[in-house]
Amino acid sequence: MNVLITGVTGFIGAHLAHELLKKKSYDLVGTFRDTEKALMYEKQGIEMRKANLLTPDSIKDITKAVDVVVHLAGLMRFHDPWDLLYNHNVKATQTIAGDALQHGVQHFIYSIDGGNWPSNKHPRR
């Protein structure tokens, strides 16, 4: 089974990849921005595809030839401007999900860390 992990170089993505590689029944594909990190993951047997969430053309066909997408890429710095967060976490997700539909991906798993949201006592303005 071919599994694409967006955000494979992040904390959760790296741990997920490590666990799936141990099972030896998955062929992993990951996304990257940093070439140096990509080389490290390629040495582990993960096919790496360059992707920039802010550039829809760079994520077009990112889900080609995969069965499962685990979408973990996104911005977690909630002090960033709203439009930047929206473009990374909403628009890019829509693009990747649309690409997955186009390529017949069987499963789409999406997770984003909500633990960084401020408390109700300190709402974002």
PDB file of N, CA and C in Angstrom:
ATOM      1  N   MET A   1       0.848  -1.173   0.000  1.00  0.00           N
ATOM      2  CA  MET A   1       0.000   0.000   0.000  1.00  0.00           C
ATOM      3  C   MET A   1       0.893   1.236   0.000  1.00  0.00           C
ATOM      4  N   ASN A   2       0.603   2.177  -0.881  1.00  0.00           N
ATOM      5  CA  ASN A   2       1.367   3.424  -0.976  1.00  0.00           C
ATOM      6  C   ASN A   2       0.710   4.493  -0.112  1.00  0.00           C
ATOM      7  N   VAL A   3       1.480   5.044   0.812  1.00  0.00           N
ATOM      8  CA  VAL A   3       0.973   6.046   1.746  1.00  0.00           C
ATOM      9  C   VAL A   3       1.753   7.337   1.573  1.00  0.00           C
ATOM     10  N   LEU A   4       1.029   8.420   1.300  1.00  0.00           N
ATOM     11  CA  LEU A   4       1.630   9.751   1.231  1.00  0.00           C
ATOM     12  C   LEU A   4       1.449  10.431   2.575  1.00  0.00           C
ATOM     13  N   ILE A   5       2.546  10.915   3.148  1.00  0.00           N
ATOM     14  CA  ILE A   5       2.490  11.687   4.389  1.00  0.00           C
ATOM     15  C   ILE A   5       2.957  13.095   4.068  1.00  0.00           C
ATOM     16  N   THR A   6       2.012  14.051   4.077  1.00  0.00           N
ATOM     17  CA  THR A   6       2.434  15.444   3.960  1.00  0.00           C
ATOM     18  C   THR A   6       2.896  15.859   5.349  1.00  0.00           C
ATOM     19  N   GLY A   7       3.954  16.619   5.416  1.00  0.00           N
ATOM     20  CA  GLY A   7       4.493  16.975   6.725  1.00  0.00           C
ATOM     21  C   GLY A   7       5.320  15.858   7.340  1.00  0.00           C
ATOM     22  N   VAL A   8       5.877  14.983   6.505  1.00  0.00           N
ATOM     23  CA  VAL A   8       6.656  13.850   7.010  1.00  0.00           C
ATOM     24  C   VAL A   8       7.901  14.313   7.768  1.00  0.00           C
ATOM     25  N   THR A   9       8.388  15.516   7.493  1.00  0.00           N
ATOM     26  CA  THR A   9       9.588  15.997   8.183  1.00  0.00           C
ATOM     27  C   THR A   9       9.260  16.664   9.515  1.00  0.00           C
ATOM     28  N   GLY A  10       7.987  16.777   9.834  1.00  0.00           N
ATOM     29  CA  GLY A  10       7.584  17.349  11.115  1.00  0.00           C
ATOM     30  C   GLY A  10       7.565  16.291  12.211  1.00  0.00           C
ATOM     31  N   PHE A  11       7.224  16.699  13.406  1.00  0.00           N
ATOM     32  CA  PHE A  11       7.267  15.825  14.578  1.00  0.00           C
ATOM     33  C   PHE A  11       6.356  14.608  14.425  1.00  0.00           C
ATOM     34  N   ILE A  12       5.080  14.833  14.176  1.00  0.00           N
ATOM     35  CA  ILE A  12       4.129  13.721  14.077  1.00  0.00           C
ATOM     36  C   ILE A  12       4.397  12.904  12.818  1.00  0.00           C
ATOM     37  N   GLY A  13       4.629  13.586  11.701  1.00  0.00           N
ATOM     38  CA  GLY A  13       4.885  12.888  10.443  1.00  0.00           C
ATOM     39  C   GLY A  13       6.099  11.981  10.512  1.00  0.00           C
ATOM     40  N   ALA A  14       7.161  12.456  11.141  1.00  0.00           N
ATOM     41  CA  ALA A  14       8.380  11.654  11.267  1.00  0.00           C
ATOM     42  C   ALA A  14       8.131  10.407  12.112  1.00  0.00           C
ATOM     43  N   HIS A  15       7.384  10.570  13.202  1.00  0.00           N
ATOM     44  CA  HIS A  15       7.082   9.413  14.050  1.00  0.00           C
ATOM     45  C   HIS A  15       6.168   8.417  13.333  1.00  0.00           C
ATOM     46  N   LEU A  16       5.191   8.923  12.608  1.00  0.00           N
ATOM     47  CA  LEU A  16       4.313   8.035  11.845  1.00  0.00           C
ATOM     48  C   LEU A  16       5.115   7.261  10.801  1.00  0.00           C
ATOM     49  N   ALA A  17       5.971   7.948  10.070  1.00  0.00           N
ATOM     50  CA  ALA A  17       6.795   7.292   9.049  1.00  0.00           C
ATOM     51  C   ALA A  17       7.657   6.204   9.677  1.00  0.00           C
ATOM     52  N   HIS A  18       8.257   6.499  10.813  1.00  0.00           N
ATOM     53  CA  HIS A  18       9.104   5.524  11.508  1.00  0.00           C
ATOM     54  C   HIS A  18       8.309   4.256  11.837  1.00  0.00           C
ATOM     55  N   GLU A  19       7.103   4.428  12.357  1.00  0.00           N
ATOM     56  CA  GLU A  19       6.272   3.273  12.719  1.00  0.00           C
ATOM     57  C   GLU A  19       5.833   2.485  11.484  1.00  0.00           C
ATOM     58  N   LEU A  20       5.449   3.190  10.424  1.00  0.00           N
ATOM     59  CA  LEU A  20       5.011   2.496   9.213  1.00  0.00           C
ATOM     60  C   LEU A  20       6.165   1.761   8.532  1.00  0.00           C
ATOM     61  N   LEU A  21       7.353   2.341   8.565  1.00  0.00           N
ATOM     62  CA  LEU A  21       8.518   1.670   7.976  1.00  0.00           C
ATOM     63  C   LEU A  21       8.834   0.364   8.703  1.00  0.00           C
ATOM     64  N   LYS A  22       8.601   0.334  10.010  1.00  0.00           N
ATOM     65  CA  LYS A  22       8.854  -0.887  10.779  1.00  0.00           C
ATOM     66  C   LYS A  22       7.933  -2.024  10.343  1.00  0.00           C
ATOM     67  N   LYS A  23       6.742  -1.688   9.881  1.00  0.00           N
ATOM     68  CA  LYS A  23       5.771  -2.713   9.481  1.00  0.00           C
ATOM     69  C   LYS A  23       6.116  -3.363   8.146  1.00  0.00           C
ATOM     70  N   LYS A  24       6.909  -2.709   7.334  1.00  0.00           N
ATOM     71  CA  LYS A  24       7.397  -3.231   6.050  1.00  0.00           C
ATOM     72  C   LYS A  24       6.289  -3.590   5.061  1.00  0.00           C
ATOM     73  N   SER A  25       5.062  -3.165   5.304  1.00  0.00           N
ATOM     74  CA  SER A  25       3.981  -3.453   4.356  1.00  0.00           C
ATOM     75  C   SER A  25       3.482  -2.181   3.672  1.00  0.00           C
ATOM     76  N   TYR A  26       4.212  -1.098   3.869  1.00  0.00           N
ATOM     77  CA  TYR A  26       3.828   0.184   3.273  1.00  0.00           C
ATOM     78  C   TYR A  26       4.986   0.753   2.467  1.00  0.00           C
ATOM     79  N   ASP A  27       4.655   1.323   1.322  1.00  0.00           N
ATOM     80  CA  ASP A  27       5.613   2.115   0.561  1.00  0.00           C
ATOM     81  C   ASP A  27       5.273   3.566   0.853  1.00  0.00           C
ATOM     82  N   LEU A  28       6.227   4.291   1.403  1.00  0.00           N
ATOM     83  CA  LEU A  28       5.954   5.651   1.852  1.00  0.00           C
ATOM     84  C   LEU A  28       6.417   6.692   0.856  1.00  0.00           C
ATOM     85  N   VAL A  29       5.609   7.733   0.768  1.00  0.00           N
ATOM     86  CA  VAL A  29       5.908   8.922  -0.012  1.00  0.00           C
ATOM     87  C   VAL A  29       5.763  10.086   0.952  1.00  0.00           C
ATOM     88  N   GLY A  30       6.685  11.026   0.909  1.00  0.00           N
ATOM     89  CA  GLY A  30       6.608  12.193   1.782  1.00  0.00           C
ATOM     90  C   GLY A  30       6.768  13.467   0.982  1.00  0.00           C
ATOM     91  N   THR A  31       6.361  14.569   1.569  1.00  0.00           N
ATOM     92  CA  THR A  31       6.554  15.871   0.928  1.00  0.00           C
ATOM     93  C   THR A  31       7.650  16.622   1.659  1.00  0.00           C
ATOM     94  N   PHE A  32       8.303  17.517   0.918  1.00  0.00           N
ATOM     95  CA  PHE A  32       9.381  18.294   1.536  1.00  0.00           C
ATOM     96  C   PHE A  32       9.477  19.668   0.912  1.00  0.00           C
ATOM     97  N   ARG A  33      10.075  20.576   1.676  1.00  0.00           N
ATOM     98  CA  ARG A  33      10.502  21.883   1.185  1.00  0.00           C
ATOM     99  C   ARG A  33      12.015  21.979   1.256  1.00  0.00           C
ATOM    100  N   ASP A  34      12.598  21.376   2.280  1.00  0.00           N
ATOM    101  CA  ASP A  34      14.029  21.447   2.557  1.00  0.00           C
ATOM    102  C   ASP A  34      14.734  20.227   1.957  1.00  0.00           C
ATOM    103  N   THR A  35      15.582  20.461   0.951  1.00  0.00           N
ATOM    104  CA  THR A  35      16.258  19.371   0.247  1.00  0.00           C
ATOM    105  C   THR A  35      17.141  18.544   1.176  1.00  0.00           C
ATOM    106  N   GLU A  36      17.789  19.186   2.130  1.00  0.00           N
ATOM    107  CA  GLU A  36      18.664  18.463   3.058  1.00  0.00           C
ATOM    108  C   GLU A  36      17.872  17.436   3.869  1.00  0.00           C
ATOM    109  N   LYS A  37      16.708  17.841   4.368  1.00  0.00           N
ATOM    110  CA  LYS A  37      15.860  16.906   5.112  1.00  0.00           C
ATOM    111  C   LYS A  37      15.366  15.790   4.199  1.00  0.00           C
ATOM    112  N   ALA A  38      15.038  16.143   2.969  1.00  0.00           N
ATOM    113  CA  ALA A  38      14.523  15.146   2.020  1.00  0.00           C
ATOM    114  C   ALA A  38      15.530  14.029   1.803  1.00  0.00           C
ATOM    115  N   LEU A  39      16.791  14.373   1.687  1.00  0.00           N
ATOM    116  CA  LEU A  39      17.832  13.364   1.475  1.00  0.00           C
ATOM    117  C   LEU A  39      17.885  12.374   2.627  1.00  0.00           C
ATOM    118  N   MET A  40      17.708  12.867   3.845  1.00  0.00           N
ATOM    119  CA  MET A  40      17.725  12.004   5.016  1.00  0.00           C
ATOM    120  C   MET A  40      16.577  10.983   4.948  1.00  0.00           C
ATOM    121  N   TYR A  41      15.405  11.446   4.521  1.00  0.00           N
ATOM    122  CA  TYR A  41      14.251  10.548   4.439  1.00  0.00           C
ATOM    123  C   TYR A  41      14.374   9.581   3.265  1.00  0.00           C
ATOM    124  N   GLU A  42      14.950  10.033   2.165  1.00  0.00           N
ATOM    125  CA  GLU A  42      15.167   9.142   1.021  1.00  0.00           C
ATOM    126  C   GLU A  42      16.093   7.991   1.393  1.00  0.00           C
ATOM    127  N   LYS A  43      17.078   8.263   2.250  1.00  0.00           N
ATOM    128  CA  LYS A  43      17.994   7.210   2.699  1.00  0.00           C
ATOM    129  C   LYS A  43      17.261   6.133   3.496  1.00  0.00           C
ATOM    130  N   GLN A  44      16.112   6.492   4.071  1.00  0.00           N
ATOM    131  CA  GLN A  44      15.305   5.528   4.828  1.00  0.00           C
ATOM    132  C   GLN A  44      14.351   4.753   3.915  1.00  0.00           C
ATOM    133  N   GLY A  45      14.352   5.096   2.625  1.00  0.00           N
ATOM    134  CA  GLY A  45      13.490   4.391   1.682  1.00  0.00           C
ATOM    135  C   GLY A  45      12.172   5.078   1.394  1.00  0.00           C
ATOM    136  N   ILE A  46      12.057   6.342   1.750  1.00  0.00           N
ATOM    137  CA  ILE A  46      10.832   7.101   1.498  1.00  0.00           C
ATOM    138  C   ILE A  46      11.006   7.913   0.219  1.00  0.00           C
ATOM    139  N   GLU A  47      10.063   7.761  -0.703  1.00  0.00           N
ATOM    140  CA  GLU A  47      10.080   8.593  -1.908  1.00  0.00           C
ATOM    141  C   GLU A  47       9.654  10.002  -1.506  1.00  0.00           C
ATOM    142  N   MET A  48      10.458  10.983  -1.848  1.00  0.00           N
ATOM    143  CA  MET A  48      10.154  12.359  -1.451  1.00  0.00           C
ATOM    144  C   MET A  48       9.730  13.184  -2.660  1.00  0.00           C
ATOM    145  N   ARG A  49       8.640  13.954  -2.472  1.00  0.00           N
ATOM    146  CA  ARG A  49       8.115  14.831  -3.517  1.00  0.00           C
ATOM    147  C   ARG A  49       8.114  16.263  -3.007  1.00  0.00           C
ATOM    148  N   LYS A  50       8.728  17.155  -3.773  1.00  0.00           N
ATOM    149  CA  LYS A  50       8.813  18.560  -3.373  1.00  0.00           C
ATOM    150  C   LYS A  50       7.432  19.197  -3.441  1.00  0.00           C
ATOM    151  N   ALA A  51       7.072  19.938  -2.397  1.00  0.00           N
ATOM    152  CA  ALA A  51       5.764  20.588  -2.343  1.00  0.00           C
ATOM    153  C   ALA A  51       5.836  21.855  -1.507  1.00  0.00           C
ATOM    154  N   ASN A  52       5.179  22.886  -1.983  1.00  0.00           N
ATOM    155  CA  ASN A  52       5.031  24.134  -1.241  1.00  0.00           C
ATOM    156  C   ASN A  52       3.538  24.382  -1.118  1.00  0.00           C
ATOM    157  N   LEU A  53       3.029  24.379   0.098  1.00  0.00           N
ATOM    158  CA  LEU A  53       1.588  24.503   0.314  1.00  0.00           C
ATOM    159  C   LEU A  53       1.000  25.793  -0.240  1.00  0.00           C
ATOM    160  N   LEU A  54       1.817  26.806  -0.403  1.00  0.00           N
ATOM    161  CA  LEU A  54       1.317  28.085  -0.906  1.00  0.00           C
ATOM    162  C   LEU A  54       1.315  28.159  -2.429  1.00  0.00           C
ATOM    163  N   THR A  55       1.823  27.132  -3.080  1.00  0.00           N
ATOM    164  CA  THR A  55       1.886  27.117  -4.541  1.00  0.00           C
ATOM    165  C   THR A  55       1.083  25.924  -5.055  1.00  0.00           C
ATOM    166  N   PRO A  56      -0.174  26.154  -5.432  1.00  0.00           N
ATOM    167  CA  PRO A  56      -1.021  25.038  -5.863  1.00  0.00           C
ATOM    168  C   PRO A  56      -0.402  24.174  -6.959  1.00  0.00           C
ATOM    169  N   ASP A  57       0.344  24.775  -7.882  1.00  0.00           N
ATOM    170  CA  ASP A  57       0.965  23.977  -8.946  1.00  0.00           C
ATOM    171  C   ASP A  57       1.972  22.971  -8.399  1.00  0.00           C
ATOM    172  N   SER A  58       2.608  23.296  -7.267  1.00  0.00           N
ATOM    173  CA  SER A  58       3.611  22.377  -6.716  1.00  0.00           C
ATOM    174  C   SER A  58       2.969  21.192  -6.000  1.00  0.00           C
ATOM    175  N   ILE A  59       1.681  21.305  -5.663  1.00  0.00           N
ATOM    176  CA  ILE A  59       1.014  20.171  -5.016  1.00  0.00           C
ATOM    177  C   ILE A  59       0.043  19.462  -5.959  1.00  0.00           C
ATOM    178  N   LYS A  60      -0.008  19.947  -7.205  1.00  0.00           N
ATOM    179  CA  LYS A  60      -0.822  19.261  -8.208  1.00  0.00           C
ATOM    180  C   LYS A  60      -0.173  17.908  -8.495  1.00  0.00           C
ATOM    181  N   ASP A  61      -0.966  16.884  -8.524  1.00  0.00           N
ATOM    182  CA  ASP A  61      -0.517  15.505  -8.769  1.00  0.00           C
ATOM    183  C   ASP A  61       0.340  14.936  -7.643  1.00  0.00           C
ATOM    184  N   ILE A  62       0.330  15.570  -6.486  1.00  0.00           N
ATOM    185  CA  ILE A  62       1.125  15.083  -5.351  1.00  0.00           C
ATOM    186  C   ILE A  62       0.594  13.729  -4.856  1.00  0.00           C
ATOM    187  N   THR A  63      -0.700  13.466  -5.107  1.00  0.00           N
ATOM    188  CA  THR A  63      -1.307  12.220  -4.634  1.00  0.00           C
ATOM    189  C   THR A  63      -1.321  11.126  -5.697  1.00  0.00           C
ATOM    190  N   LYS A  64      -0.666  11.373  -6.807  1.00  0.00           N
ATOM    191  CA  LYS A  64      -0.644  10.390  -7.897  1.00  0.00           C
ATOM    192  C   LYS A  64       0.014   9.092  -7.426  1.00  0.00           C
ATOM    193  N   ALA A  65      -0.641   7.976  -7.719  1.00  0.00           N
ATOM    194  CA  ALA A  65      -0.128   6.631  -7.408  1.00  0.00           C
ATOM    195  C   ALA A  65      -0.009   6.358  -5.912  1.00  0.00           C
ATOM    196  N   VAL A  66      -0.909   6.953  -5.102  1.00  0.00           N
ATOM    197  CA  VAL A  66      -0.948   6.616  -3.676  1.00  0.00           C
ATOM    198  C   VAL A  66      -2.350   6.116  -3.320  1.00  0.00           C
ATOM    199  N   ASP A  67      -2.415   5.278  -2.303  1.00  0.00           N
ATOM    200  CA  ASP A  67      -3.684   4.714  -1.841  1.00  0.00           C
ATOM    201  C   ASP A  67      -4.254   5.482  -0.660  1.00  0.00           C
ATOM    202  N   VAL A  68      -3.356   6.010   0.170  1.00  0.00           N
ATOM    203  CA  VAL A  68      -3.751   6.698   1.398  1.00  0.00           C
ATOM    204  C   VAL A  68      -2.978   8.002   1.501  1.00  0.00           C
ATOM    205  N   VAL A  69      -3.678   9.068   1.870  1.00  0.00           N
ATOM    206  CA  VAL A  69      -3.026  10.345   2.171  1.00  0.00           C
ATOM    207  C   VAL A  69      -3.204  10.609   3.655  1.00  0.00           C
ATOM    208  N   VAL A  70      -2.108  10.868   4.341  1.00  0.00           N
ATOM    209  CA  VAL A  70      -2.145  11.341   5.726  1.00  0.00           C
ATOM    210  C   VAL A  70      -1.623  12.767   5.662  1.00  0.00           C
ATOM    211  N   HIS A  71      -2.541  13.712   5.758  1.00  0.00           N
ATOM    212  CA  HIS A  71      -2.197  15.127   5.576  1.00  0.00           C
ATOM    213  C   HIS A  71      -1.913  15.761   6.939  1.00  0.00           C
ATOM    214  N   LEU A  72      -0.633  15.979   7.205  1.00  0.00           N
ATOM    215  CA  LEU A  72      -0.192  16.553   8.479  1.00  0.00           C
ATOM    216  C   LEU A  72       0.486  17.903   8.303  1.00  0.00           C
ATOM    217  N   ALA A  73       0.721  18.302   7.056  1.00  0.00           N
ATOM    218  CA  ALA A  73       1.432  19.562   6.806  1.00  0.00           C
ATOM    219  C   ALA A  73       0.518  20.747   7.090  1.00  0.00           C
ATOM    220  N   GLY A  74       1.095  21.778   7.630  1.00  0.00           N
ATOM    221  CA  GLY A  74       0.348  23.000   7.905  1.00  0.00           C
ATOM    222  C   GLY A  74       1.134  23.891   8.835  1.00  0.00           C
ATOM    223  N   LEU A  75       0.589  25.055   9.075  1.00  0.00           N
ATOM    224  CA  LEU A  75       1.235  25.996   9.991  1.00  0.00           C
ATOM    225  C   LEU A  75       0.664  25.841  11.385  1.00  0.00           C
ATOM    226  N   MET A  76       1.533  25.823  12.352  1.00  0.00           N
ATOM    227  CA  MET A  76       1.119  25.715  13.745  1.00  0.00           C
ATOM    228  C   MET A  76       1.423  26.987  14.526  1.00  0.00           C
ATOM    229  N   ARG A  77       1.942  27.985  13.842  1.00  0.00           N
ATOM    230  CA  ARG A  77       2.288  29.243  14.520  1.00  0.00           C
ATOM    231  C   ARG A  77       1.074  30.169  14.441  1.00  0.00           C
ATOM    232  N   PHE A  78       0.219  30.082  15.429  1.00  0.00           N
ATOM    233  CA  PHE A  78      -1.052  30.782  15.354  1.00  0.00           C
ATOM    234  C   PHE A  78      -0.950  32.284  15.586  1.00  0.00           C
ATOM    235  N   HIS A  79       0.258  32.784  15.775  1.00  0.00           N
ATOM    236  CA  HIS A  79       0.451  34.230  15.837  1.00  0.00           C
ATOM    237  C   HIS A  79       0.673  34.805  14.440  1.00  0.00           C
ATOM    238  N   ASP A  80       0.804  33.919  13.430  1.00  0.00           N
ATOM    239  CA  ASP A  80       0.975  34.371  12.045  1.00  0.00           C
ATOM    240  C   ASP A  80      -0.302  35.046  11.549  1.00  0.00           C
ATOM    241  N   PRO A  81      -0.192  35.850  10.507  1.00  0.00           N
ATOM    242  CA  PRO A  81      -1.375  36.515   9.951  1.00  0.00           C
ATOM    243  C   PRO A  81      -2.438  35.496   9.515  1.00  0.00           C
ATOM    244  N   TRP A  82      -3.688  35.888   9.704  1.00  0.00           N
ATOM    245  CA  TRP A  82      -4.818  35.015   9.409  1.00  0.00           C
ATOM    246  C   TRP A  82      -4.781  34.495   7.972  1.00  0.00           C
ATOM    247  N   ASP A  83      -4.481  35.350   7.000  1.00  0.00           N
ATOM    248  CA  ASP A  83      -4.501  34.908   5.602  1.00  0.00           C
ATOM    249  C   ASP A  83      -3.425  33.853   5.328  1.00  0.00           C
ATOM    250  N   LEU A  84      -2.289  33.959   5.980  1.00  0.00           N
ATOM    251  CA  LEU A  84      -1.236  32.959   5.816  1.00  0.00           C
ATOM    252  C   LEU A  84      -1.684  31.613   6.396  1.00  0.00           C
ATOM    253  N   LEU A  85      -2.273  31.652   7.585  1.00  0.00           N
ATOM    254  CA  LEU A  85      -2.794  30.430   8.201  1.00  0.00           C
ATOM    255  C   LEU A  85      -3.883  29.812   7.332  1.00  0.00           C
ATOM    256  N   TYR A  86      -4.784  30.642   6.824  1.00  0.00           N
ATOM    257  CA  TYR A  86      -5.883  30.163   5.987  1.00  0.00           C
ATOM    258  C   TYR A  86      -5.345  29.497   4.716  1.00  0.00           C
ATOM    259  N   ASN A  87      -4.391  30.147   4.080  1.00  0.00           N
ATOM    260  CA  ASN A  87      -3.835  29.591   2.843  1.00  0.00           C
ATOM    261  C   ASN A  87      -3.126  28.262   3.079  1.00  0.00           C
ATOM    262  N   HIS A  88      -2.367  28.166   4.174  1.00  0.00           N
ATOM    263  CA  HIS A  88      -1.650  26.922   4.483  1.00  0.00           C
ATOM    264  C   HIS A  88      -2.600  25.818   4.933  1.00  0.00           C
ATOM    265  N   ASN A  89      -3.478  26.144   5.866  1.00  0.00           N
ATOM    266  CA  ASN A  89      -4.247  25.114   6.556  1.00  0.00           C
ATOM    267  C   ASN A  89      -5.603  24.805   5.941  1.00  0.00           C
ATOM    268  N   VAL A  90      -6.145  25.711   5.148  1.00  0.00           N
ATOM    269  CA  VAL A  90      -7.457  25.472   4.536  1.00  0.00           C
ATOM    270  C   VAL A  90      -7.332  25.292   3.026  1.00  0.00           C
ATOM    271  N   LYS A  91      -6.830  26.311   2.355  1.00  0.00           N
ATOM    272  CA  LYS A  91      -6.774  26.242   0.889  1.00  0.00           C
ATOM    273  C   LYS A  91      -5.883  25.101   0.397  1.00  0.00           C
ATOM    274  N   ALA A  92      -4.730  24.937   1.012  1.00  0.00           N
ATOM    275  CA  ALA A  92      -3.835  23.849   0.590  1.00  0.00           C
ATOM    276  C   ALA A  92      -4.482  22.489   0.848  1.00  0.00           C
ATOM    277  N   THR A  93      -5.185  22.359   1.965  1.00  0.00           N
ATOM    278  CA  THR A  93      -5.883  21.107   2.268  1.00  0.00           C
ATOM    279  C   THR A  93      -6.951  20.827   1.219  1.00  0.00           C
ATOM    280  N   GLN A  94      -7.682  21.863   0.816  1.00  0.00           N
ATOM    281  CA  GLN A  94      -8.688  21.692  -0.234  1.00  0.00           C
ATOM    282  C   GLN A  94      -8.041  21.232  -1.540  1.00  0.00           C
ATOM    283  N   THR A  95      -6.902  21.815  -1.873  1.00  0.00           N
ATOM    284  CA  THR A  95      -6.205  21.438  -3.107  1.00  0.00           C
ATOM    285  C   THR A  95      -5.738  19.987  -3.049  1.00  0.00           C
ATOM    286  N   ILE A  96      -5.154  19.597  -1.926  1.00  0.00           N
ATOM    287  CA  ILE A  96      -4.660  18.222  -1.781  1.00  0.00           C
ATOM    288  C   ILE A  96      -5.829  17.233  -1.788  1.00  0.00           C
ATOM    289  N   ALA A  97      -6.923  17.573  -1.112  1.00  0.00           N
ATOM    290  CA  ALA A  97      -8.095  16.691  -1.097  1.00  0.00           C
ATOM    291  C   ALA A  97      -8.688  16.552  -2.500  1.00  0.00           C
ATOM    292  N   GLY A  98      -8.748  17.647  -3.237  1.00  0.00           N
ATOM    293  CA  GLY A  98      -9.241  17.591  -4.613  1.00  0.00           C
ATOM    294  C   GLY A  98      -8.356  16.734  -5.498  1.00  0.00           C
ATOM    295  N   ASP A  99      -7.055  16.861  -5.307  1.00  0.00           N
ATOM    296  CA  ASP A  99      -6.099  16.053  -6.057  1.00  0.00           C
ATOM    297  C   ASP A  99      -6.280  14.572  -5.714  1.00  0.00           C
ATOM    298  N   ALA A 100      -6.520  14.301  -4.432  1.00  0.00           N
ATOM    299  CA  ALA A 100      -6.733  12.918  -3.992  1.00  0.00           C
ATOM    300  C   ALA A 100      -7.986  12.329  -4.647  1.00  0.00           C
ATOM    301  N   LEU A 101      -9.051  13.115  -4.728  1.00  0.00           N
ATOM    302  CA  LEU A 101     -10.269  12.654  -5.402  1.00  0.00           C
ATOM    303  C   LEU A 101      -9.999  12.359  -6.877  1.00  0.00           C
ATOM    304  N   GLN A 102      -9.272  13.256  -7.506  1.00  0.00           N
ATOM    305  CA  GLN A 102      -8.957  13.108  -8.926  1.00  0.00           C
ATOM    306  C   GLN A 102      -8.161  11.833  -9.197  1.00  0.00           C
ATOM    307  N   HIS A 103      -7.286  11.468  -8.267  1.00  0.00           N
ATOM    308  CA  HIS A 103      -6.418  10.307  -8.465  1.00  0.00           C
ATOM    309  C   HIS A 103      -6.952   9.034  -7.809  1.00  0.00           C
ATOM    310  N   GLY A 104      -8.170   9.071  -7.292  1.00  0.00           N
ATOM    311  CA  GLY A 104      -8.788   7.871  -6.743  1.00  0.00           C
ATOM    312  C   GLY A 104      -8.175   7.364  -5.460  1.00  0.00           C
ATOM    313  N   VAL A 105      -7.662   8.272  -4.639  1.00  0.00           N
ATOM    314  CA  VAL A 105      -7.089   7.880  -3.346  1.00  0.00           C
ATOM    315  C   VAL A 105      -8.192   7.247  -2.492  1.00  0.00           C
ATOM    316  N   GLN A 106      -7.892   6.119  -1.865  1.00  0.00           N
ATOM    317  CA  GLN A 106      -8.888   5.360  -1.109  1.00  0.00           C
ATOM    318  C   GLN A 106      -9.221   5.979   0.244  1.00  0.00           C
ATOM    319  N   HIS A 107      -8.212   6.540   0.912  1.00  0.00           N
ATOM    320  CA  HIS A 107      -8.417   7.093   2.256  1.00  0.00           C
ATOM    321  C   HIS A 107      -7.668   8.414   2.379  1.00  0.00           C
ATOM    322  N   PHE A 108      -8.300   9.370   3.052  1.00  0.00           N
ATOM    323  CA  PHE A 108      -7.688  10.680   3.292  1.00  0.00           C
ATOM    324  C   PHE A 108      -7.811  10.968   4.781  1.00  0.00           C
ATOM    325  N   ILE A 109      -6.687  11.032   5.453  1.00  0.00           N
ATOM    326  CA  ILE A 109      -6.659  11.287   6.899  1.00  0.00           C
ATOM    327  C   ILE A 109      -6.048  12.660   7.100  1.00  0.00           C
ATOM    328  N   TYR A 110      -6.759  13.507   7.833  1.00  0.00           N
ATOM    329  CA  TYR A 110      -6.302  14.882   8.040  1.00  0.00           C
ATOM    330  C   TYR A 110      -6.204  15.154   9.528  1.00  0.00           C
ATOM    331  N   SER A 111      -5.096  15.717   9.924  1.00  0.00           N
ATOM    332  CA  SER A 111      -4.918  16.074  11.325  1.00  0.00           C
ATOM    333  C   SER A 111      -4.120  17.358  11.411  1.00  0.00           C
ATOM    334  N   ILE A 112      -4.544  18.205  12.310  1.00  0.00           N
ATOM    335  CA  ILE A 112      -3.801  19.428  12.590  1.00  0.00           C
ATOM    336  C   ILE A 112      -3.803  19.607  14.100  1.00  0.00           C
ATOM    337  N   ASP A 113      -2.741  20.122  14.617  1.00  0.00           N
ATOM    338  CA  ASP A 113      -2.596  20.299  16.059  1.00  0.00           C
ATOM    339  C   ASP A 113      -3.431  21.477  16.527  1.00  0.00           C
ATOM    340  N   GLY A 114      -4.442  21.205  17.307  1.00  0.00           N
ATOM    341  CA  GLY A 114      -5.261  22.271  17.875  1.00  0.00           C
ATOM    342  C   GLY A 114      -4.776  22.696  19.251  1.00  0.00           C
ATOM    343  N   GLY A 115      -3.727  22.061  19.744  1.00  0.00           N
ATOM    344  CA  GLY A 115      -3.233  22.342  21.083  1.00  0.00           C
ATOM    345  C   GLY A 115      -2.600  23.704  21.242  1.00  0.00           C
ATOM    346  N   ASN A 116      -2.327  24.375  20.140  1.00  0.00           N
ATOM    347  CA  ASN A 116      -1.684  25.678  20.221  1.00  0.00           C
ATOM    348  C   ASN A 116      -2.664  26.838  20.217  1.00  0.00           C
ATOM    349  N   TRP A 117      -3.950  26.531  20.129  1.00  0.00           N
ATOM    350  CA  TRP A 117      -4.931  27.610  20.167  1.00  0.00           C
ATOM    351  C   TRP A 117      -4.919  28.227  21.562  1.00  0.00           C
ATOM    352  N   PRO A 118      -5.053  29.539  21.642  1.00  0.00           N
ATOM    353  CA  PRO A 118      -5.088  30.171  22.956  1.00  0.00           C
ATOM    354  C   PRO A 118      -6.359  29.774  23.700  1.00  0.00           C
ATOM    355  N   SER A 119      -6.324  29.950  25.005  1.00  0.00           N
ATOM    356  CA  SER A 119      -7.489  29.612  25.817  1.00  0.00           C
ATOM    357  C   SER A 119      -8.633  30.583  25.535  1.00  0.00           C
ATOM    358  N   ASN A 120      -9.820  30.234  26.000  1.00  0.00           N
ATOM    359  CA  ASN A 120     -10.987  31.103  25.816  1.00  0.00           C
ATOM    360  C   ASN A 120     -10.817  32.441  26.523  1.00  0.00           C
ATOM    361  N   LYS A 121      -9.954  32.478  27.523  1.00  0.00           N
ATOM    362  CA  LYS A 121      -9.719  33.728  28.242  1.00  0.00           C
ATOM    363  C   LYS A 121      -8.914  34.705  27.394  1.00  0.00           C
ATOM    364  N   HIS A 122      -8.238  34.191  26.386  1.00  0.00           N
ATOM    365  CA  HIS A 122      -7.404  35.030  25.530  1.00  0.00           C
ATOM    366  C   HIS A 122      -7.736  34.773  24.063  1.00  0.00           C
ATOM    367  N   PRO A 123      -8.932  35.146  23.618  1.00  0.00           N
ATOM    368  CA  PRO A 123      -9.287  34.865  22.222  1.00  0.00           C
ATOM    369  C   PRO A 123      -8.429  35.652  21.239  1.00  0.00           C
ATOM    370  N   ARG A 124      -8.240  35.065  20.054  1.00  0.00           N
ATOM    371  CA  ARG A 124      -7.503  35.740  18.984  1.00  0.00           C
ATOM    372  C   ARG A 124      -8.342  36.891  18.469  1.00  0.00           C
ATOM    373  N   ARG A 125      -7.719  38.033  18.303  1.00  0.00           N
ATOM    374  CA  ARG A 125      -8.433  39.209  17.786  1.00  0.00           C
ATOM    375  C   ARG A 125      -7.928  39.542  16.416  1.00  0.00           C
TER     376      ARG A 125
END
